[in-house]
Amino acid sequence: MAPSTRPLSPHLSIYRFTLTMTMSIVHRATGIALYGGTLLLVLWLVAAGFGGGFFDFVAWLFGTWFGQLVLFGYTWVLFHHMLGGVRHFIWDFTQGMDATGRELLVRLQLGASILLTLVVWSIFVWFK
């Protein structure tokens, strides 16, 4: 039997890359990033339990510009992943499954995650 020259499974070059596909990939990546952010939360809680110099060090580390940037990113990741779950929950009820509905939900997810992150950090900066 001669080997087939056609691909065994669809390749990405066949499909038009859409925003929905991108958000699906980002949803998986944010799920992975939540593990790292949760480790940061555990580090902070352990430091609070030990107290003293260790807590002061962790508080200093999170207070640096890089620490603030990481925490800002973690906040966005948290909101984006949560809203991605809400989007999938809506799809579970077969709502928004048409092309325009999918695009609208994805754009709402992206916009709301950015907006919620900015609101939370604005409150944080305001009360700091």
N, C-alpha and C. Protein backbone atom coordinates (compact mmCIF):
# COMPACT_ATOMS: atom_id res chain seq x y z
N MET A 1 0.84 -1.16 0.00
CA MET A 1 0.00 0.00 0.00
C MET A 1 0.89 1.24 0.00
N ALA A 2 0.63 2.19 -0.89
CA ALA A 2 1.42 3.41 -1.00
C ALA A 2 1.06 4.38 0.12
N PRO A 3 2.06 5.08 0.68
CA PRO A 3 1.76 6.05 1.73
C PRO A 3 0.93 7.22 1.19
N SER A 4 0.02 7.67 1.99
CA SER A 4 -0.85 8.78 1.61
C SER A 4 -0.09 10.10 1.75
N THR A 5 -0.34 11.04 0.85
CA THR A 5 0.32 12.34 0.90
C THR A 5 -0.54 13.39 1.59
N ARG A 6 -1.79 13.05 1.86
CA ARG A 6 -2.65 14.03 2.51
C ARG A 6 -2.41 14.00 4.02
N PRO A 7 -2.65 15.13 4.69
CA PRO A 7 -2.43 15.17 6.14
C PRO A 7 -3.40 14.26 6.87
N LEU A 8 -2.94 13.70 7.98
CA LEU A 8 -3.78 12.80 8.77
C LEU A 8 -4.80 13.56 9.61
N SER A 9 -4.46 14.76 10.00
CA SER A 9 -5.39 15.57 10.79
C SER A 9 -5.30 17.01 10.29
N PRO A 10 -6.35 17.80 10.54
CA PRO A 10 -6.31 19.19 10.05
C PRO A 10 -5.14 19.95 10.63
N HIS A 11 -4.58 20.79 9.85
CA HIS A 11 -3.44 21.60 10.27
C HIS A 11 -3.91 23.05 10.43
N LEU A 12 -3.20 23.80 11.26
CA LEU A 12 -3.61 25.18 11.52
C LEU A 12 -3.63 26.04 10.27
N SER A 13 -2.84 25.67 9.28
CA SER A 13 -2.81 26.48 8.06
C SER A 13 -4.10 26.36 7.26
N ILE A 14 -4.91 25.38 7.56
CA ILE A 14 -6.19 25.21 6.86
C ILE A 14 -7.23 26.19 7.39
N TYR A 15 -7.18 26.46 8.69
CA TYR A 15 -8.20 27.28 9.33
C TYR A 15 -7.81 28.75 9.35
N ARG A 16 -8.82 29.61 9.32
CA ARG A 16 -8.61 31.04 9.52
C ARG A 16 -8.54 31.26 11.03
N PHE A 17 -7.46 31.86 11.49
CA PHE A 17 -7.25 32.07 12.93
C PHE A 17 -8.23 33.12 13.42
N THR A 18 -9.09 32.77 14.36
CA THR A 18 -10.13 33.68 14.84
C THR A 18 -9.83 34.12 16.28
N LEU A 19 -10.55 35.14 16.72
CA LEU A 19 -10.41 35.62 18.09
C LEU A 19 -10.86 34.55 19.08
N THR A 20 -11.87 33.79 18.72
CA THR A 20 -12.35 32.72 19.60
C THR A 20 -11.27 31.67 19.80
N MET A 21 -10.54 31.33 18.74
CA MET A 21 -9.45 30.36 18.86
C MET A 21 -8.35 30.93 19.76
N THR A 22 -8.05 32.20 19.59
CA THR A 22 -7.03 32.84 20.40
C THR A 22 -7.41 32.82 21.87
N MET A 23 -8.66 33.15 22.16
CA MET A 23 -9.10 33.17 23.56
C MET A 23 -9.14 31.77 24.16
N SER A 24 -9.35 30.77 23.34
CA SER A 24 -9.29 29.39 23.83
C SER A 24 -7.87 29.05 24.28
N ILE A 25 -6.90 29.46 23.49
CA ILE A 25 -5.50 29.24 23.85
C ILE A 25 -5.13 30.05 25.08
N VAL A 26 -5.58 31.32 25.12
CA VAL A 26 -5.28 32.18 26.26
C VAL A 26 -5.94 31.63 27.53
N HIS A 27 -7.14 31.06 27.40
CA HIS A 27 -7.82 30.48 28.56
C HIS A 27 -6.98 29.35 29.16
N ARG A 28 -6.41 28.52 28.30
CA ARG A 28 -5.54 27.45 28.79
C ARG A 28 -4.29 28.02 29.45
N ALA A 29 -3.71 29.03 28.83
CA ALA A 29 -2.49 29.64 29.37
C ALA A 29 -2.77 30.32 30.71
N THR A 30 -3.93 30.98 30.84
CA THR A 30 -4.25 31.62 32.12
C THR A 30 -4.50 30.57 33.20
N GLY A 31 -5.04 29.44 32.81
CA GLY A 31 -5.22 28.36 33.79
C GLY A 31 -3.88 27.89 34.34
N ILE A 32 -2.89 27.80 33.47
CA ILE A 32 -1.54 27.42 33.90
C ILE A 32 -0.94 28.53 34.76
N ALA A 33 -1.12 29.78 34.35
CA ALA A 33 -0.55 30.91 35.10
C ALA A 33 -1.16 31.03 36.49
N LEU A 34 -2.40 30.57 36.65
CA LEU A 34 -3.02 30.63 37.98
C LEU A 34 -2.28 29.77 38.99
N TYR A 35 -1.63 28.71 38.53
CA TYR A 35 -0.83 27.89 39.44
C TYR A 35 0.31 28.72 40.03
N GLY A 36 1.01 29.48 39.17
CA GLY A 36 2.09 30.33 39.65
C GLY A 36 1.60 31.41 40.59
N GLY A 37 0.47 32.03 40.27
CA GLY A 37 -0.09 33.06 41.13
C GLY A 37 -0.55 32.50 42.46
N THR A 38 -1.05 31.29 42.45
CA THR A 38 -1.48 30.66 43.69
C THR A 38 -0.27 30.36 44.57
N LEU A 39 0.85 30.01 43.95
CA LEU A 39 2.07 29.81 44.73
C LEU A 39 2.52 31.12 45.38
N LEU A 40 2.33 32.24 44.69
CA LEU A 40 2.65 33.54 45.29
C LEU A 40 1.75 33.82 46.49
N LEU A 41 0.48 33.47 46.36
CA LEU A 41 -0.46 33.65 47.47
C LEU A 41 -0.05 32.77 48.65
N VAL A 42 0.35 31.54 48.38
CA VAL A 42 0.80 30.64 49.44
C VAL A 42 2.06 31.19 50.10
N LEU A 43 2.97 31.73 49.28
CA LEU A 43 4.19 32.33 49.83
C LEU A 43 3.84 33.46 50.79
N TRP A 44 2.90 34.30 50.40
CA TRP A 44 2.49 35.42 51.26
C TRP A 44 1.86 34.91 52.56
N LEU A 45 0.99 33.89 52.45
CA LEU A 45 0.34 33.35 53.65
C LEU A 45 1.34 32.68 54.58
N VAL A 46 2.29 31.94 54.02
CA VAL A 46 3.33 31.31 54.85
C VAL A 46 4.17 32.37 55.53
N ALA A 47 4.51 33.42 54.77
CA ALA A 47 5.29 34.52 55.35
C ALA A 47 4.52 35.20 56.47
N ALA A 48 3.22 35.37 56.28
CA ALA A 48 2.40 35.97 57.34
C ALA A 48 2.37 35.06 58.56
N GLY A 49 2.37 33.76 58.34
CA GLY A 49 2.39 32.81 59.46
C GLY A 49 3.69 32.85 60.24
N PHE A 50 4.81 32.97 59.52
CA PHE A 50 6.11 33.05 60.18
C PHE A 50 6.35 34.42 60.79
N GLY A 51 5.87 35.45 60.09
CA GLY A 51 6.04 36.81 60.60
C GLY A 51 7.48 37.28 60.54
N GLY A 52 7.73 38.38 61.20
CA GLY A 52 9.08 38.91 61.32
C GLY A 52 9.74 39.27 60.00
N GLY A 53 11.02 38.92 59.89
CA GLY A 53 11.82 39.30 58.74
C GLY A 53 11.37 38.65 57.44
N PHE A 54 10.87 37.42 57.53
CA PHE A 54 10.43 36.74 56.31
C PHE A 54 9.23 37.45 55.70
N PHE A 55 8.29 37.85 56.55
CA PHE A 55 7.13 38.58 56.04
C PHE A 55 7.55 39.94 55.49
N ASP A 56 8.47 40.60 56.17
CA ASP A 56 8.96 41.89 55.68
C ASP A 56 9.61 41.74 54.31
N PHE A 57 10.36 40.66 54.12
CA PHE A 57 11.01 40.42 52.83
C PHE A 57 9.97 40.19 51.73
N VAL A 58 8.97 39.35 52.01
CA VAL A 58 7.93 39.06 51.00
C VAL A 58 7.13 40.33 50.70
N ALA A 59 6.82 41.11 51.72
CA ALA A 59 6.10 42.37 51.51
C ALA A 59 6.94 43.33 50.66
N TRP A 60 8.23 43.37 50.91
CA TRP A 60 9.12 44.21 50.11
C TRP A 60 9.15 43.71 48.66
N LEU A 61 9.27 42.39 48.51
CA LEU A 61 9.34 41.79 47.17
C LEU A 61 8.08 42.09 46.37
N PHE A 62 6.93 41.95 46.98
CA PHE A 62 5.67 42.24 46.28
C PHE A 62 5.48 43.73 46.07
N GLY A 63 6.18 44.55 46.82
CA GLY A 63 6.06 46.00 46.69
C GLY A 63 6.99 46.60 45.64
N THR A 64 7.95 45.82 45.14
CA THR A 64 8.83 46.34 44.10
C THR A 64 8.05 46.51 42.81
N TRP A 65 8.63 47.25 41.86
CA TRP A 65 7.93 47.48 40.59
C TRP A 65 7.68 46.15 39.87
N PHE A 66 8.64 45.23 39.97
CA PHE A 66 8.45 43.94 39.31
C PHE A 66 7.38 43.11 40.02
N GLY A 67 7.40 43.14 41.34
CA GLY A 67 6.37 42.43 42.11
C GLY A 67 4.98 42.97 41.82
N GLN A 68 4.87 44.29 41.73
CA GLN A 68 3.58 44.91 41.40
C GLN A 68 3.12 44.52 39.99
N LEU A 69 4.07 44.45 39.07
CA LEU A 69 3.75 44.04 37.70
C LEU A 69 3.25 42.60 37.66
N VAL A 70 3.90 41.73 38.41
CA VAL A 70 3.47 40.32 38.47
C VAL A 70 2.08 40.23 39.11
N LEU A 71 1.85 40.96 40.18
CA LEU A 71 0.54 40.93 40.83
C LEU A 71 -0.55 41.53 39.94
N PHE A 72 -0.20 42.56 39.17
CA PHE A 72 -1.15 43.13 38.20
C PHE A 72 -1.51 42.08 37.15
N GLY A 73 -0.50 41.39 36.65
CA GLY A 73 -0.74 40.33 35.67
C GLY A 73 -1.57 39.20 36.25
N TYR A 74 -1.28 38.84 37.51
CA TYR A 74 -2.06 37.79 38.17
C TYR A 74 -3.52 38.19 38.32
N THR A 75 -3.76 39.46 38.60
CA THR A 75 -5.13 39.94 38.72
C THR A 75 -5.86 39.80 37.39
N TRP A 76 -5.19 40.19 36.30
CA TRP A 76 -5.82 40.06 34.98
C TRP A 76 -6.06 38.59 34.64
N VAL A 77 -5.08 37.75 34.92
CA VAL A 77 -5.21 36.32 34.64
C VAL A 77 -6.41 35.74 35.39
N LEU A 78 -6.56 36.13 36.65
CA LEU A 78 -7.66 35.64 37.47
C LEU A 78 -9.01 36.05 36.87
N PHE A 79 -9.16 37.32 36.52
CA PHE A 79 -10.43 37.78 35.95
C PHE A 79 -10.67 37.18 34.56
N HIS A 80 -9.64 37.11 33.75
CA HIS A 80 -9.81 36.60 32.40
C HIS A 80 -10.22 35.13 32.42
N HIS A 81 -9.57 34.35 33.27
CA HIS A 81 -9.91 32.93 33.35
C HIS A 81 -11.32 32.72 33.91
N MET A 82 -11.67 33.52 34.92
CA MET A 82 -13.01 33.42 35.49
C MET A 82 -14.08 33.74 34.45
N LEU A 83 -13.86 34.83 33.70
CA LEU A 83 -14.85 35.20 32.68
C LEU A 83 -14.86 34.22 31.52
N GLY A 84 -13.73 33.57 31.25
CA GLY A 84 -13.72 32.50 30.26
C GLY A 84 -14.58 31.33 30.70
N GLY A 85 -14.55 31.05 32.00
CA GLY A 85 -15.43 30.01 32.53
C GLY A 85 -16.89 30.39 32.41
N VAL A 86 -17.20 31.67 32.64
CA VAL A 86 -18.58 32.15 32.48
C VAL A 86 -19.00 32.02 31.02
N ARG A 87 -18.09 32.36 30.10
CA ARG A 87 -18.39 32.23 28.66
C ARG A 87 -18.70 30.77 28.30
N HIS A 88 -17.91 29.86 28.82
CA HIS A 88 -18.17 28.44 28.55
C HIS A 88 -19.47 27.99 29.21
N PHE A 89 -19.79 28.54 30.37
CA PHE A 89 -21.05 28.22 31.02
C PHE A 89 -22.23 28.68 30.17
N ILE A 90 -22.11 29.86 29.57
CA ILE A 90 -23.15 30.35 28.66
C ILE A 90 -23.27 29.43 27.46
N TRP A 91 -22.15 28.98 26.95
CA TRP A 91 -22.18 28.07 25.80
C TRP A 91 -22.79 26.71 26.17
N ASP A 92 -22.66 26.32 27.44
CA ASP A 92 -23.28 25.06 27.88
C ASP A 92 -24.79 25.09 27.70
N PHE A 93 -25.38 26.26 27.73
CA PHE A 93 -26.81 26.41 27.51
C PHE A 93 -27.12 26.72 26.04
N THR A 94 -26.14 26.46 25.17
CA THR A 94 -26.24 26.66 23.72
C THR A 94 -26.66 28.08 23.35
N GLN A 95 -26.21 29.04 24.14
CA GLN A 95 -26.46 30.45 23.84
C GLN A 95 -25.19 31.05 23.26
N GLY A 96 -25.32 31.93 22.29
CA GLY A 96 -24.18 32.60 21.71
C GLY A 96 -23.28 31.70 20.91
N MET A 97 -23.84 30.67 20.31
CA MET A 97 -23.02 29.71 19.56
C MET A 97 -22.83 30.11 18.10
N ASP A 98 -23.63 31.06 17.61
CA ASP A 98 -23.45 31.50 16.23
C ASP A 98 -22.19 32.37 16.14
N ALA A 99 -21.76 32.68 14.93
CA ALA A 99 -20.50 33.40 14.73
C ALA A 99 -20.50 34.76 15.42
N THR A 100 -21.57 35.51 15.30
CA THR A 100 -21.61 36.83 15.93
C THR A 100 -21.69 36.72 17.45
N GLY A 101 -22.42 35.74 17.96
CA GLY A 101 -22.52 35.53 19.41
C GLY A 101 -21.19 35.13 20.02
N ARG A 102 -20.47 34.24 19.35
CA ARG A 102 -19.15 33.83 19.84
C ARG A 102 -18.20 35.02 19.89
N GLU A 103 -18.21 35.80 18.82
CA GLU A 103 -17.33 36.98 18.75
C GLU A 103 -17.69 37.99 19.83
N LEU A 104 -18.98 38.20 20.04
CA LEU A 104 -19.43 39.15 21.07
C LEU A 104 -19.01 38.70 22.46
N LEU A 105 -19.22 37.43 22.78
CA LEU A 105 -18.85 36.92 24.09
C LEU A 105 -17.34 37.03 24.34
N VAL A 106 -16.57 36.74 23.32
CA VAL A 106 -15.11 36.82 23.47
C VAL A 106 -14.67 38.26 23.68
N ARG A 107 -15.25 39.18 22.91
CA ARG A 107 -14.89 40.59 23.08
C ARG A 107 -15.33 41.11 24.45
N LEU A 108 -16.50 40.69 24.91
CA LEU A 108 -16.96 41.07 26.25
C LEU A 108 -16.03 40.51 27.33
N GLN A 109 -15.60 39.27 27.16
CA GLN A 109 -14.68 38.66 28.11
C GLN A 109 -13.39 39.44 28.18
N LEU A 110 -12.82 39.76 27.04
CA LEU A 110 -11.55 40.47 27.00
C LEU A 110 -11.69 41.88 27.59
N GLY A 111 -12.72 42.59 27.18
CA GLY A 111 -12.92 43.94 27.69
C GLY A 111 -13.22 43.97 29.17
N ALA A 112 -14.08 43.06 29.63
CA ALA A 112 -14.44 43.04 31.05
C ALA A 112 -13.25 42.64 31.92
N SER A 113 -12.42 41.73 31.44
CA SER A 113 -11.25 41.33 32.24
C SER A 113 -10.28 42.50 32.40
N ILE A 114 -10.10 43.27 31.34
CA ILE A 114 -9.22 44.44 31.42
C ILE A 114 -9.84 45.49 32.33
N LEU A 115 -11.13 45.74 32.15
CA LEU A 115 -11.82 46.75 32.96
C LEU A 115 -11.81 46.39 34.44
N LEU A 116 -12.13 45.15 34.77
CA LEU A 116 -12.14 44.71 36.17
C LEU A 116 -10.76 44.81 36.80
N THR A 117 -9.73 44.46 36.04
CA THR A 117 -8.36 44.56 36.54
C THR A 117 -8.01 46.01 36.85
N LEU A 118 -8.36 46.91 35.93
CA LEU A 118 -8.07 48.33 36.15
C LEU A 118 -8.86 48.89 37.32
N VAL A 119 -10.11 48.46 37.49
CA VAL A 119 -10.92 48.93 38.63
C VAL A 119 -10.31 48.46 39.95
N VAL A 120 -9.95 47.19 40.03
CA VAL A 120 -9.37 46.66 41.26
C VAL A 120 -8.07 47.37 41.59
N TRP A 121 -7.23 47.58 40.61
CA TRP A 121 -5.95 48.24 40.88
C TRP A 121 -6.13 49.73 41.13
N SER A 122 -7.13 50.34 40.56
CA SER A 122 -7.41 51.74 40.88
C SER A 122 -7.83 51.87 42.34
N ILE A 123 -8.66 50.96 42.80
CA ILE A 123 -9.06 50.94 44.21
C ILE A 123 -7.85 50.70 45.09
N PHE A 124 -7.00 49.77 44.68
CA PHE A 124 -5.78 49.46 45.45
C PHE A 124 -4.89 50.68 45.57
N VAL A 125 -4.68 51.39 44.47
CA VAL A 125 -3.82 52.57 44.49
C VAL A 125 -4.47 53.69 45.28
N TRP A 126 -5.79 53.82 45.17
CA TRP A 126 -6.51 54.89 45.86
C TRP A 126 -6.39 54.75 47.37
N PHE A 127 -6.52 53.52 47.88
CA PHE A 127 -6.50 53.29 49.33
C PHE A 127 -5.12 52.96 49.87
N LYS A 128 -4.10 52.99 49.04
CA LYS A 128 -2.76 52.62 49.47
C LYS A 128 -2.16 53.65 50.39
